[in-house]
């Protein structure tokens, strides 16, 4: 879909995408919903504390 050009188009597209997100979440198993996020194998993400601070900058 093209980028929204008005506020109403933006709100409509946001609602469509939000509905898609909930549809995806509703299709997930209970086990998948309870599973913790694990970024230990992702070099780009594992160096962050979750606050946007690199762990190497904390010294």
PDB file of N, CA and C in Angstrom:
ATOM      1  N   UNK A   1       0.832  -1.179   0.000  1.00  0.00           N
ATOM      2  CA  UNK A   1       0.000   0.000   0.000  1.00  0.00           C
ATOM      3  C   UNK A   1       0.880   1.247   0.000  1.00  0.00           C
ATOM      4  N   UNK A   2       0.430   2.279  -0.648  1.00  0.00           N
ATOM      5  CA  UNK A   2       1.170   3.539  -0.725  1.00  0.00           C
ATOM      6  C   UNK A   2       1.181   4.230   0.636  1.00  0.00           C
ATOM      7  N   UNK A   3       2.122   5.109   0.812  1.00  0.00           N
ATOM      8  CA  UNK A   3       2.202   5.861   2.059  1.00  0.00           C
ATOM      9  C   UNK A   3       0.993   6.772   2.205  1.00  0.00           C
ATOM     10  N   UNK A   4       0.473   6.867   3.413  1.00  0.00           N
ATOM     11  CA  UNK A   4      -0.680   7.750   3.652  1.00  0.00           C
ATOM     12  C   UNK A   4      -0.333   9.205   3.370  1.00  0.00           C
ATOM     13  N   UNK A   5      -1.280   9.922   2.794  1.00  0.00           N
ATOM     14  CA  UNK A   5      -1.053  11.323   2.452  1.00  0.00           C
ATOM     15  C   UNK A   5      -1.924  12.268   3.287  1.00  0.00           C
ATOM     16  N   UNK A   6      -2.794  11.716   4.111  1.00  0.00           N
ATOM     17  CA  UNK A   6      -3.629  12.554   4.975  1.00  0.00           C
ATOM     18  C   UNK A   6      -3.720  11.901   6.351  1.00  0.00           C
ATOM     19  N   UNK A   7      -4.208  12.654   7.294  1.00  0.00           N
ATOM     20  CA  UNK A   7      -4.350  12.135   8.654  1.00  0.00           C
ATOM     21  C   UNK A   7      -5.290  10.934   8.677  1.00  0.00           C
ATOM     22  N   UNK A   8      -6.402  11.029   7.944  1.00  0.00           N
ATOM     23  CA  UNK A   8      -7.359   9.926   7.920  1.00  0.00           C
ATOM     24  C   UNK A   8      -6.757   8.666   7.315  1.00  0.00           C
ATOM     25  N   UNK A   9      -5.988   8.821   6.230  1.00  0.00           N
ATOM     26  CA  UNK A   9      -5.328   7.669   5.620  1.00  0.00           C
ATOM     27  C   UNK A   9      -4.316   7.057   6.586  1.00  0.00           C
ATOM     28  N   UNK A  10      -3.597   7.910   7.312  1.00  0.00           N
ATOM     29  CA  UNK A  10      -2.626   7.435   8.294  1.00  0.00           C
ATOM     30  C   UNK A  10      -3.313   6.648   9.403  1.00  0.00           C
ATOM     31  N   UNK A  11      -4.401   7.175   9.926  1.00  0.00           N
ATOM     32  CA  UNK A  11      -5.140   6.485  10.984  1.00  0.00           C
ATOM     33  C   UNK A  11      -5.712   5.157  10.487  1.00  0.00           C
ATOM     34  N   UNK A  12      -6.212   5.157   9.257  1.00  0.00           N
ATOM     35  CA  UNK A  12      -6.765   3.930   8.684  1.00  0.00           C
ATOM     36  C   UNK A  12      -5.677   2.872   8.522  1.00  0.00           C
ATOM     37  N   UNK A  13      -4.524   3.277   7.995  1.00  0.00           N
ATOM     38  CA  UNK A  13      -3.422   2.334   7.812  1.00  0.00           C
ATOM     39  C   UNK A  13      -2.906   1.830   9.152  1.00  0.00           C
ATOM     40  N   UNK A  14      -2.855   2.705  10.144  1.00  0.00           N
ATOM     41  CA  UNK A  14      -2.421   2.300  11.481  1.00  0.00           C
ATOM     42  C   UNK A  14      -3.369   1.247  12.049  1.00  0.00           C
ATOM     43  N   UNK A  15      -4.664   1.434  11.864  1.00  0.00           N
ATOM     44  CA  UNK A  15      -5.643   0.466  12.360  1.00  0.00           C
ATOM     45  C   UNK A  15      -5.507  -0.870  11.645  1.00  0.00           C
ATOM     46  N   UNK A  16      -5.306  -0.834  10.334  1.00  0.00           N
ATOM     47  CA  UNK A  16      -5.120  -2.069   9.557  1.00  0.00           C
ATOM     48  C   UNK A  16      -3.903  -2.829  10.073  1.00  0.00           C
ATOM     49  N   UNK A  17      -2.794  -2.115  10.267  1.00  0.00           N
ATOM     50  CA  UNK A  17      -1.571  -2.765  10.749  1.00  0.00           C
ATOM     51  C   UNK A  17      -1.725  -3.263  12.178  1.00  0.00           C
ATOM     52  N   UNK A  18      -2.442  -2.521  13.010  1.00  0.00           N
ATOM     53  CA  UNK A  18      -2.687  -2.951  14.383  1.00  0.00           C
ATOM     54  C   UNK A  18      -3.526  -4.230  14.396  1.00  0.00           C
ATOM     55  N   UNK A  19      -4.518  -4.293  13.532  1.00  0.00           N
ATOM     56  CA  UNK A  19      -5.347  -5.498  13.422  1.00  0.00           C
ATOM     57  C   UNK A  19      -4.520  -6.688  12.955  1.00  0.00           C
ATOM     58  N   UNK A  20      -3.599  -6.460  12.020  1.00  0.00           N
ATOM     59  CA  UNK A  20      -2.706  -7.533  11.553  1.00  0.00           C
ATOM     60  C   UNK A  20      -1.831  -8.033  12.692  1.00  0.00           C
ATOM     61  N   UNK A  21      -1.333  -7.105  13.511  1.00  0.00           N
ATOM     62  CA  UNK A  21      -0.497  -7.478  14.650  1.00  0.00           C
ATOM     63  C   UNK A  21      -1.270  -8.353  15.620  1.00  0.00           C
ATOM     64  N   UNK A  22      -2.494  -7.955  15.952  1.00  0.00           N
ATOM     65  CA  UNK A  22      -3.301  -8.748  16.880  1.00  0.00           C
ATOM     66  C   UNK A  22      -3.663 -10.100  16.280  1.00  0.00           C
ATOM     67  N   UNK A  23      -3.891 -10.160  14.990  1.00  0.00           N
ATOM     68  CA  UNK A  23      -4.172 -11.435  14.337  1.00  0.00           C
ATOM     69  C   UNK A  23      -2.977 -12.368  14.470  1.00  0.00           C
ATOM     70  N   UNK A  24      -1.776 -11.828  14.294  1.00  0.00           N
ATOM     71  CA  UNK A  24      -0.567 -12.623  14.457  1.00  0.00           C
ATOM     72  C   UNK A  24      -0.418 -13.091  15.900  1.00  0.00           C
ATOM     73  N   UNK A  25      -0.612 -12.189  16.851  1.00  0.00           N
ATOM     74  CA  UNK A  25      -0.500 -12.549  18.268  1.00  0.00           C
ATOM     75  C   UNK A  25      -1.518 -13.613  18.640  1.00  0.00           C
ATOM     76  N   UNK A  26      -2.756 -13.456  18.167  1.00  0.00           N
ATOM     77  CA  UNK A  26      -3.805 -14.435  18.473  1.00  0.00           C
ATOM     78  C   UNK A  26      -3.523 -15.804  17.873  1.00  0.00           C
ATOM     79  N   UNK A  27      -2.726 -15.856  16.800  1.00  0.00           N
ATOM     80  CA  UNK A  27      -2.433 -17.138  16.164  1.00  0.00           C
ATOM     81  C   UNK A  27      -1.281 -17.878  16.841  1.00  0.00           C
ATOM     82  N   UNK A  28      -0.582 -17.210  17.761  1.00  0.00           N
ATOM     83  CA  UNK A  28       0.561 -17.826  18.431  1.00  0.00           C
ATOM     84  C   UNK A  28       0.096 -18.762  19.544  1.00  0.00           C
ATOM     85  N   UNK A  29       0.872 -19.801  19.765  1.00  0.00           N
ATOM     86  CA  UNK A  29       0.544 -20.750  20.834  1.00  0.00           C
ATOM     87  C   UNK A  29       0.829 -20.119  22.198  1.00  0.00           C
ATOM     88  N   UNK A  30       0.250 -20.705  23.231  1.00  0.00           N
ATOM     89  CA  UNK A  30       0.478 -20.207  24.593  1.00  0.00           C
ATOM     90  C   UNK A  30       1.958 -20.305  24.947  1.00  0.00           C
ATOM     91  N   UNK A  31       2.600 -21.371  24.504  1.00  0.00           N
ATOM     92  CA  UNK A  31       4.039 -21.541  24.773  1.00  0.00           C
ATOM     93  C   UNK A  31       4.850 -20.432  24.118  1.00  0.00           C
ATOM     94  N   UNK A  32       4.524 -20.100  22.887  1.00  0.00           N
ATOM     95  CA  UNK A  32       5.248 -19.033  22.188  1.00  0.00           C
ATOM     96  C   UNK A  32       5.048 -17.693  22.887  1.00  0.00           C
ATOM     97  N   UNK A  33       3.864 -17.457  23.408  1.00  0.00           N
ATOM     98  CA  UNK A  33       3.590 -16.191  24.091  1.00  0.00           C
ATOM     99  C   UNK A  33       4.325 -16.083  25.425  1.00  0.00           C
ATOM    100  N   UNK A  34       4.618 -17.208  26.059  1.00  0.00           N
ATOM    101  CA  UNK A  34       5.301 -17.214  27.352  1.00  0.00           C
ATOM    102  C   UNK A  34       6.815 -17.234  27.217  1.00  0.00           C
ATOM    103  N   UNK A  35       7.327 -17.492  26.029  1.00  0.00           N
ATOM    104  CA  UNK A  35       8.761 -17.607  25.807  1.00  0.00           C
ATOM    105  C   UNK A  35       9.423 -16.235  25.893  1.00  0.00           C
ATOM    106  N   UNK A  36      10.537 -16.176  26.628  1.00  0.00           N
ATOM    107  CA  UNK A  36      11.298 -14.936  26.739  1.00  0.00           C
ATOM    108  C   UNK A  36      12.002 -14.640  25.423  1.00  0.00           C
ATOM    109  N   UNK A  37      12.221 -13.363  25.161  1.00  0.00           N
ATOM    110  CA  UNK A  37      13.012 -12.964  24.007  1.00  0.00           C
ATOM    111  C   UNK A  37      14.468 -13.285  24.305  1.00  0.00           C
ATOM    112  N   UNK A  38      15.147 -13.870  23.347  1.00  0.00           N
ATOM    113  CA  UNK A  38      16.551 -14.231  23.518  1.00  0.00           C
ATOM    114  C   UNK A  38      17.351 -13.647  22.366  1.00  0.00           C
ATOM    115  N   UNK A  39      18.152 -12.650  22.670  1.00  0.00           N
ATOM    116  CA  UNK A  39      18.973 -12.006  21.652  1.00  0.00           C
ATOM    117  C   UNK A  39      20.440 -12.371  21.824  1.00  0.00           C
ATOM    118  N   UNK A  40      20.731 -13.445  22.545  1.00  0.00           N
ATOM    119  CA  UNK A  40      22.120 -13.790  22.823  1.00  0.00           C
ATOM    120  C   UNK A  40      22.904 -14.151  21.570  1.00  0.00           C
ATOM    121  N   UNK A  41      22.234 -14.578  20.507  1.00  0.00           N
ATOM    122  CA  UNK A  41      22.930 -14.924  19.271  1.00  0.00           C
ATOM    123  C   UNK A  41      22.942 -13.786  18.266  1.00  0.00           C
ATOM    124  N   UNK A  42      22.423 -12.639  18.639  1.00  0.00           N
ATOM    125  CA  UNK A  42      22.363 -11.494  17.742  1.00  0.00           C
ATOM    126  C   UNK A  42      23.375 -10.452  18.211  1.00  0.00           C
ATOM    127  N   UNK A  43      24.506 -10.382  17.511  1.00  0.00           N
ATOM    128  CA  UNK A  43      25.598  -9.499  17.926  1.00  0.00           C
ATOM    129  C   UNK A  43      25.171  -8.039  17.981  1.00  0.00           C
ATOM    130  N   UNK A  44      24.221  -7.630  17.153  1.00  0.00           N
ATOM    131  CA  UNK A  44      23.789  -6.240  17.140  1.00  0.00           C
ATOM    132  C   UNK A  44      22.985  -5.875  18.374  1.00  0.00           C
ATOM    133  N   UNK A  45      22.313  -6.837  18.973  1.00  0.00           N
ATOM    134  CA  UNK A  45      21.404  -6.536  20.073  1.00  0.00           C
ATOM    135  C   UNK A  45      21.929  -6.959  21.438  1.00  0.00           C
ATOM    136  N   UNK A  46      22.847  -7.898  21.512  1.00  0.00           N
ATOM    137  CA  UNK A  46      23.230  -8.408  22.815  1.00  0.00           C
ATOM    138  C   UNK A  46      24.147  -7.469  23.595  1.00  0.00           C
ATOM    139  N   UNK A  47      24.662  -6.422  22.970  1.00  0.00           N
ATOM    140  CA  UNK A  47      25.527  -5.479  23.665  1.00  0.00           C
ATOM    141  C   UNK A  47      24.768  -4.330  24.304  1.00  0.00           C
ATOM    142  N   UNK A  48      23.451  -4.394  24.314  1.00  0.00           N
ATOM    143  CA  UNK A  48      22.643  -3.330  24.895  1.00  0.00           C
ATOM    144  C   UNK A  48      21.998  -3.801  26.186  1.00  0.00           C
ATOM    145  N   UNK A  49      21.808  -2.870  27.119  1.00  0.00           N
ATOM    146  CA  UNK A  49      21.215  -3.189  28.409  1.00  0.00           C
ATOM    147  C   UNK A  49      19.697  -3.182  28.364  1.00  0.00           C
ATOM    148  N   UNK A  50      19.117  -2.672  27.287  1.00  0.00           N
ATOM    149  CA  UNK A  50      17.677  -2.504  27.215  1.00  0.00           C
ATOM    150  C   UNK A  50      17.293  -1.052  27.403  1.00  0.00           C
ATOM    151  N   UNK A  51      18.251  -0.248  27.790  1.00  0.00           N
ATOM    152  CA  UNK A  51      18.016   1.178  27.982  1.00  0.00           C
ATOM    153  C   UNK A  51      18.658   1.984  26.868  1.00  0.00           C
ATOM    154  N   UNK A  52      19.128   1.308  25.823  1.00  0.00           N
ATOM    155  CA  UNK A  52      19.785   1.995  24.726  1.00  0.00           C
ATOM    156  C   UNK A  52      21.236   2.315  25.033  1.00  0.00           C
ATOM    157  N   UNK A  53      21.771   1.710  26.090  1.00  0.00           N
ATOM    158  CA  UNK A  53      23.146   1.957  26.502  1.00  0.00           C
ATOM    159  C   UNK A  53      23.970   0.718  26.174  1.00  0.00           C
ATOM    160  N   UNK A  54      25.051   0.922  25.460  1.00  0.00           N
ATOM    161  CA  UNK A  54      25.935  -0.206  25.167  1.00  0.00           C
ATOM    162  C   UNK A  54      26.615  -0.629  26.474  1.00  0.00           C
ATOM    163  N   UNK A  55      26.728  -1.935  26.680  1.00  0.00           N
ATOM    164  CA  UNK A  55      27.364  -2.426  27.889  1.00  0.00           C
ATOM    165  C   UNK A  55      28.834  -2.018  27.930  1.00  0.00           C
ATOM    166  N   UNK A  56      29.475  -1.845  26.766  1.00  0.00           N
ATOM    167  CA  UNK A  56      30.869  -1.418  26.734  1.00  0.00           C
ATOM    168  C   UNK A  56      31.030   0.031  27.177  1.00  0.00           C
ATOM    169  N   UNK A  57      29.957   0.819  27.190  1.00  0.00           N
ATOM    170  CA  UNK A  57      30.015   2.219  27.602  1.00  0.00           C
ATOM    171  C   UNK A  57      29.747   2.390  29.087  1.00  0.00           C
ATOM    172  N   UNK A  58      29.445   1.316  29.784  1.00  0.00           N
ATOM    173  CA  UNK A  58      29.062   1.410  31.194  1.00  0.00           C
ATOM    174  C   UNK A  58      30.260   1.439  32.135  1.00  0.00           C
ATOM    175  N   UNK A  59      31.459   1.291  31.649  1.00  0.00           N
ATOM    176  CA  UNK A  59      32.664   1.245  32.503  1.00  0.00           C
ATOM    177  C   UNK A  59      33.098   2.610  32.938  1.00  0.00           C
TER     178      UNK A  59
END
